[in-house]
Amino acid sequence: MASVEVQAEGPPLALSELRAWCEVGLPGARGLRVTSSQLPVTGDDWFEVRY
């Protein structure tokens, strides 16, 4: 089983839409749960994939 972590910054509506998309997921994907927490805003602009 794999896990995915997403950290995102943006307007509240965009973040709500992102969370809703994560709850549905991609076709054929099976998600067990989506949890959220609030972190301090950093303003960083980067993307990283870890295996």
Protein backbone atom coordinates (compact mmCIF):
# COMPACT_ATOMS: atom_id res chain seq x y z
CA MET A 1 0.00 0.00 0.00
CA ALA A 2 1.29 3.48 -0.86
CA SER A 3 0.57 6.82 0.67
CA VAL A 4 0.47 10.28 -0.86
CA GLU A 5 1.16 13.55 0.91
CA VAL A 6 0.20 16.89 -0.60
CA GLN A 7 1.12 20.29 0.76
CA ALA A 8 -0.59 23.15 -1.05
CA GLU A 9 -1.07 26.87 -0.62
CA GLY A 10 -3.72 29.00 -2.26
CA PRO A 11 -7.12 30.58 -1.94
CA PRO A 12 -9.57 28.70 0.30
CA LEU A 13 -11.86 27.76 -2.60
CA ALA A 14 -8.99 26.29 -4.62
CA LEU A 15 -7.81 24.29 -1.61
CA SER A 16 -11.34 22.97 -1.03
CA GLU A 17 -11.55 21.90 -4.67
CA LEU A 18 -8.17 20.17 -4.42
CA ARG A 19 -9.27 18.28 -1.33
CA ALA A 20 -12.53 17.23 -3.04
CA TRP A 21 -10.53 15.95 -6.02
CA CYS A 22 -8.22 14.01 -3.70
CA GLU A 23 -11.22 12.37 -2.03
CA VAL A 24 -12.45 11.10 -5.41
CA GLY A 25 -9.06 10.31 -6.92
CA LEU A 26 -8.18 8.96 -10.32
CA PRO A 27 -10.28 6.32 -12.09
CA GLY A 28 -9.26 2.92 -10.78
CA ALA A 29 -7.61 4.35 -7.67
CA ARG A 30 -8.76 3.37 -4.21
CA GLY A 31 -8.34 5.81 -1.39
CA LEU A 32 -8.91 4.80 2.19
CA ARG A 33 -8.92 8.22 3.78
CA VAL A 34 -8.06 11.87 3.32
CA THR A 35 -6.91 13.84 6.32
CA SER A 36 -5.98 17.49 6.49
CA SER A 37 -4.06 19.81 8.73
CA GLN A 38 -3.10 23.44 8.54
CA LEU A 39 0.57 24.40 8.22
CA PRO A 40 2.13 27.86 8.20
CA VAL A 41 2.20 29.54 4.78
CA THR A 42 5.74 29.44 3.36
CA GLY A 43 5.39 30.95 -0.10
CA ASP A 44 7.71 28.25 -1.46
CA ASP A 45 7.27 27.22 -5.09
CA TRP A 46 8.57 23.69 -5.64
CA PHE A 47 7.52 20.18 -6.50
CA GLU A 48 9.08 16.97 -5.28
CA VAL A 49 8.37 13.27 -5.86
CA ARG A 50 9.73 10.70 -3.41
CA TYR A 51 9.61 6.92 -3.70
